[in-house]
Amino acid sequence: MPEGNNIKGIIKKVAQTIIFELKLEDVTVETFNPDLDLIDELGIDSMDLATIALVLQDEYKIVIDEDDYPKLKTIRLIAEYVAERVSARG
């Protein structure tokens, strides 16, 4: 289980996942704005989002519904979604 299932820990993990999966340079977890619009400002596409969702599903043992992808526009929104799914799982 990931070390931080609180919202700050999840934000950090989501940022790490995005940086690693998208091979972002010049970005660190500390400098990644959790409210940055990943689609409009960072330019990630649906395939990138699907990859990130798959990694987070494995990491947190949750299901991220493809219908929810359009709502997952920022690191903070993704983290809140993950936290909600983790707590609903019990």
N, C-alpha and C. Protein backbone atom coordinates (compact mmCIF):
# COMPACT_ATOMS: atom_id res chain seq x y z
N MET A 1 0.86 -1.19 0.00
CA MET A 1 0.00 0.00 0.00
C MET A 1 0.89 1.24 0.00
N PRO A 2 0.55 2.24 -0.78
CA PRO A 2 1.37 3.46 -0.83
C PRO A 2 1.50 4.11 0.54
N GLU A 3 2.60 4.81 0.71
CA GLU A 3 2.90 5.37 2.02
C GLU A 3 1.92 6.44 2.46
N GLY A 4 1.33 7.17 1.56
CA GLY A 4 0.43 8.22 2.00
C GLY A 4 -0.94 8.10 1.36
N ASN A 5 -1.89 7.63 2.12
CA ASN A 5 -3.25 7.59 1.58
C ASN A 5 -4.04 8.82 1.97
N ASN A 6 -3.36 9.79 2.61
CA ASN A 6 -4.02 11.08 2.83
C ASN A 6 -3.90 11.87 1.53
N ILE A 7 -4.61 12.96 1.43
CA ILE A 7 -4.67 13.68 0.16
C ILE A 7 -3.30 14.21 -0.26
N LYS A 8 -2.48 14.66 0.70
CA LYS A 8 -1.14 15.15 0.34
C LYS A 8 -0.28 14.03 -0.22
N GLY A 9 -0.37 12.86 0.41
CA GLY A 9 0.40 11.71 -0.07
C GLY A 9 -0.04 11.27 -1.45
N ILE A 10 -1.34 11.31 -1.69
CA ILE A 10 -1.87 10.91 -2.99
C ILE A 10 -1.48 11.93 -4.06
N ILE A 11 -1.55 13.22 -3.73
CA ILE A 11 -1.12 14.26 -4.68
C ILE A 11 0.33 14.02 -5.07
N LYS A 12 1.17 13.72 -4.09
CA LYS A 12 2.59 13.47 -4.35
C LYS A 12 2.76 12.26 -5.27
N LYS A 13 2.03 11.19 -5.00
CA LYS A 13 2.13 9.97 -5.80
C LYS A 13 1.62 10.21 -7.22
N VAL A 14 0.53 10.94 -7.37
CA VAL A 14 0.00 11.24 -8.71
C VAL A 14 1.03 12.07 -9.48
N ALA A 15 1.61 13.06 -8.84
CA ALA A 15 2.63 13.89 -9.49
C ALA A 15 3.82 13.03 -9.91
N GLN A 16 4.30 12.15 -9.02
CA GLN A 16 5.42 11.26 -9.35
C GLN A 16 5.07 10.39 -10.55
N THR A 17 3.87 9.87 -10.56
CA THR A 17 3.43 8.99 -11.65
C THR A 17 3.40 9.75 -12.98
N ILE A 18 2.84 10.96 -12.97
CA ILE A 18 2.77 11.75 -14.20
C ILE A 18 4.17 12.11 -14.69
N ILE A 19 5.03 12.54 -13.80
CA ILE A 19 6.40 12.91 -14.18
C ILE A 19 7.12 11.71 -14.78
N PHE A 20 6.99 10.55 -14.15
CA PHE A 20 7.68 9.34 -14.61
C PHE A 20 7.08 8.84 -15.93
N GLU A 21 5.77 8.66 -15.97
CA GLU A 21 5.12 8.08 -17.15
C GLU A 21 5.24 8.96 -18.39
N LEU A 22 5.19 10.26 -18.20
CA LEU A 22 5.26 11.18 -19.34
C LEU A 22 6.67 11.69 -19.59
N LYS A 23 7.62 11.19 -18.79
CA LYS A 23 9.04 11.55 -18.92
C LYS A 23 9.23 13.07 -18.97
N LEU A 24 8.58 13.74 -18.01
CA LEU A 24 8.69 15.20 -17.95
C LEU A 24 10.05 15.58 -17.40
N GLU A 25 10.67 16.54 -18.04
CA GLU A 25 11.96 17.05 -17.58
C GLU A 25 11.73 18.41 -16.95
N ASP A 26 12.64 18.79 -16.08
CA ASP A 26 12.58 20.10 -15.42
C ASP A 26 11.34 20.27 -14.54
N VAL A 27 10.75 19.15 -14.12
CA VAL A 27 9.60 19.20 -13.22
C VAL A 27 9.88 18.24 -12.07
N THR A 28 9.62 18.70 -10.85
CA THR A 28 9.75 17.83 -9.70
C THR A 28 8.40 17.78 -8.99
N VAL A 29 8.26 16.84 -8.09
CA VAL A 29 7.03 16.75 -7.31
C VAL A 29 6.77 18.07 -6.60
N GLU A 30 7.84 18.70 -6.09
CA GLU A 30 7.70 19.94 -5.33
C GLU A 30 7.30 21.13 -6.22
N THR A 31 7.71 21.11 -7.49
CA THR A 31 7.41 22.25 -8.35
C THR A 31 6.17 22.02 -9.23
N PHE A 32 5.62 20.81 -9.21
CA PHE A 32 4.45 20.49 -10.04
C PHE A 32 3.21 21.07 -9.37
N ASN A 33 2.58 22.04 -10.02
CA ASN A 33 1.38 22.69 -9.49
C ASN A 33 0.21 21.69 -9.54
N PRO A 34 -0.34 21.31 -8.39
CA PRO A 34 -1.42 20.32 -8.38
C PRO A 34 -2.71 20.81 -9.03
N ASP A 35 -2.80 22.11 -9.33
CA ASP A 35 -3.99 22.66 -9.96
C ASP A 35 -3.78 22.99 -11.44
N LEU A 36 -2.63 22.60 -11.98
CA LEU A 36 -2.34 22.81 -13.39
C LEU A 36 -3.28 21.94 -14.22
N ASP A 37 -3.90 22.52 -15.24
CA ASP A 37 -4.79 21.75 -16.12
C ASP A 37 -3.91 20.86 -17.00
N LEU A 38 -3.98 19.57 -16.77
CA LEU A 38 -3.09 18.63 -17.45
C LEU A 38 -3.36 18.55 -18.95
N ILE A 39 -4.59 18.76 -19.34
CA ILE A 39 -4.95 18.65 -20.75
C ILE A 39 -4.66 19.96 -21.48
N ASP A 40 -5.20 21.07 -20.98
CA ASP A 40 -5.05 22.35 -21.66
C ASP A 40 -3.66 22.96 -21.50
N GLU A 41 -3.07 22.83 -20.30
CA GLU A 41 -1.79 23.50 -20.06
C GLU A 41 -0.59 22.59 -20.26
N LEU A 42 -0.75 21.30 -19.98
CA LEU A 42 0.39 20.38 -20.12
C LEU A 42 0.31 19.63 -21.45
N GLY A 43 -0.89 19.52 -22.00
CA GLY A 43 -1.04 18.89 -23.30
C GLY A 43 -1.10 17.37 -23.28
N ILE A 44 -1.47 16.76 -22.15
CA ILE A 44 -1.56 15.31 -22.16
C ILE A 44 -2.82 14.89 -22.91
N ASP A 45 -2.74 13.74 -23.56
CA ASP A 45 -3.89 13.26 -24.33
C ASP A 45 -4.56 12.09 -23.61
N SER A 46 -5.59 11.56 -24.24
CA SER A 46 -6.37 10.50 -23.59
C SER A 46 -5.54 9.24 -23.36
N MET A 47 -4.59 8.96 -24.22
CA MET A 47 -3.72 7.78 -24.02
C MET A 47 -2.82 7.99 -22.80
N ASP A 48 -2.28 9.19 -22.64
CA ASP A 48 -1.47 9.50 -21.46
C ASP A 48 -2.30 9.34 -20.19
N LEU A 49 -3.52 9.86 -20.24
CA LEU A 49 -4.40 9.79 -19.07
C LEU A 49 -4.74 8.34 -18.75
N ALA A 50 -4.98 7.54 -19.78
CA ALA A 50 -5.27 6.12 -19.57
C ALA A 50 -4.09 5.41 -18.92
N THR A 51 -2.88 5.73 -19.37
CA THR A 51 -1.68 5.13 -18.78
C THR A 51 -1.56 5.50 -17.31
N ILE A 52 -1.76 6.77 -17.00
CA ILE A 52 -1.69 7.24 -15.62
C ILE A 52 -2.76 6.56 -14.78
N ALA A 53 -3.96 6.45 -15.32
CA ALA A 53 -5.06 5.80 -14.60
C ALA A 53 -4.73 4.34 -14.30
N LEU A 54 -4.15 3.64 -15.26
CA LEU A 54 -3.79 2.23 -15.05
C LEU A 54 -2.76 2.07 -13.94
N VAL A 55 -1.77 2.93 -13.94
CA VAL A 55 -0.74 2.88 -12.89
C VAL A 55 -1.37 3.13 -11.52
N LEU A 56 -2.23 4.14 -11.43
CA LEU A 56 -2.86 4.47 -10.15
C LEU A 56 -3.83 3.37 -9.70
N GLN A 57 -4.52 2.73 -10.66
CA GLN A 57 -5.40 1.62 -10.31
C GLN A 57 -4.60 0.49 -9.68
N ASP A 58 -3.44 0.17 -10.27
CA ASP A 58 -2.59 -0.89 -9.71
C ASP A 58 -2.05 -0.49 -8.34
N GLU A 59 -1.61 0.75 -8.24
CA GLU A 59 -0.99 1.24 -7.00
C GLU A 59 -1.98 1.25 -5.84
N TYR A 60 -3.19 1.70 -6.09
CA TYR A 60 -4.17 1.89 -5.02
C TYR A 60 -5.25 0.82 -4.98
N LYS A 61 -5.17 -0.15 -5.91
CA LYS A 61 -6.16 -1.25 -5.94
C LYS A 61 -7.59 -0.73 -6.05
N ILE A 62 -7.78 0.19 -6.99
CA ILE A 62 -9.10 0.78 -7.23
C ILE A 62 -9.43 0.65 -8.71
N VAL A 63 -10.65 1.01 -9.07
CA VAL A 63 -11.06 1.07 -10.48
C VAL A 63 -11.35 2.53 -10.80
N ILE A 64 -10.75 2.99 -11.88
CA ILE A 64 -11.03 4.34 -12.37
C ILE A 64 -11.85 4.17 -13.65
N ASP A 65 -13.09 4.57 -13.59
CA ASP A 65 -14.01 4.41 -14.70
C ASP A 65 -13.62 5.33 -15.85
N GLU A 66 -13.55 4.77 -17.06
CA GLU A 66 -13.18 5.58 -18.23
C GLU A 66 -14.12 6.77 -18.42
N ASP A 67 -15.37 6.62 -18.02
CA ASP A 67 -16.32 7.73 -18.13
C ASP A 67 -15.93 8.90 -17.24
N ASP A 68 -15.10 8.64 -16.23
CA ASP A 68 -14.67 9.69 -15.30
C ASP A 68 -13.41 10.42 -15.79
N TYR A 69 -12.73 9.91 -16.80
CA TYR A 69 -11.50 10.53 -17.28
C TYR A 69 -11.64 12.03 -17.56
N PRO A 70 -12.73 12.47 -18.22
CA PRO A 70 -12.84 13.91 -18.50
C PRO A 70 -12.84 14.79 -17.24
N LYS A 71 -13.22 14.23 -16.10
CA LYS A 71 -13.23 15.01 -14.85
C LYS A 71 -11.84 15.12 -14.23
N LEU A 72 -10.92 14.27 -14.67
CA LEU A 72 -9.60 14.19 -14.04
C LEU A 72 -8.63 15.11 -14.75
N LYS A 73 -8.82 16.41 -14.53
CA LYS A 73 -8.06 17.42 -15.27
C LYS A 73 -6.81 17.93 -14.56
N THR A 74 -6.75 17.77 -13.24
CA THR A 74 -5.60 18.27 -12.49
C THR A 74 -5.11 17.18 -11.54
N ILE A 75 -3.91 17.34 -11.04
CA ILE A 75 -3.38 16.40 -10.06
C ILE A 75 -4.30 16.37 -8.83
N ARG A 76 -4.74 17.53 -8.40
CA ARG A 76 -5.60 17.60 -7.21
C ARG A 76 -6.93 16.85 -7.44
N LEU A 77 -7.54 17.03 -8.61
CA LEU A 77 -8.79 16.33 -8.91
C LEU A 77 -8.58 14.82 -8.99
N ILE A 78 -7.47 14.41 -9.58
CA ILE A 78 -7.15 12.98 -9.65
C ILE A 78 -6.94 12.43 -8.24
N ALA A 79 -6.19 13.16 -7.42
CA ALA A 79 -5.92 12.72 -6.04
C ALA A 79 -7.21 12.61 -5.23
N GLU A 80 -8.10 13.59 -5.37
CA GLU A 80 -9.38 13.54 -4.65
C GLU A 80 -10.21 12.35 -5.11
N TYR A 81 -10.19 12.07 -6.41
CA TYR A 81 -10.92 10.93 -6.96
C TYR A 81 -10.37 9.63 -6.39
N VAL A 82 -9.04 9.51 -6.38
CA VAL A 82 -8.38 8.30 -5.85
C VAL A 82 -8.72 8.15 -4.37
N ALA A 83 -8.62 9.24 -3.60
CA ALA A 83 -8.92 9.17 -2.17
C ALA A 83 -10.35 8.71 -1.93
N GLU A 84 -11.27 9.22 -2.74
CA GLU A 84 -12.68 8.84 -2.61
C GLU A 84 -12.86 7.34 -2.90
N ARG A 85 -12.18 6.85 -3.94
CA ARG A 85 -12.28 5.43 -4.29
C ARG A 85 -11.66 4.54 -3.23
N VAL A 86 -10.52 4.98 -2.68
CA VAL A 86 -9.84 4.20 -1.64
C VAL A 86 -10.73 4.11 -0.39
N SER A 87 -11.33 5.25 0.00
CA SER A 87 -12.17 5.23 1.21
C SER A 87 -13.47 4.46 0.99
N ALA A 88 -13.99 4.48 -0.24
CA ALA A 88 -15.23 3.74 -0.54
C ALA A 88 -14.98 2.23 -0.52
N ARG A 89 -13.76 1.86 -0.81
CA ARG A 89 -13.38 0.44 -0.83
C ARG A 89 -13.32 -0.14 0.57
N GLY A 90 -13.10 0.75 1.53
CA GLY A 90 -13.09 0.32 2.92
C GLY A 90 -11.74 -0.07 3.33
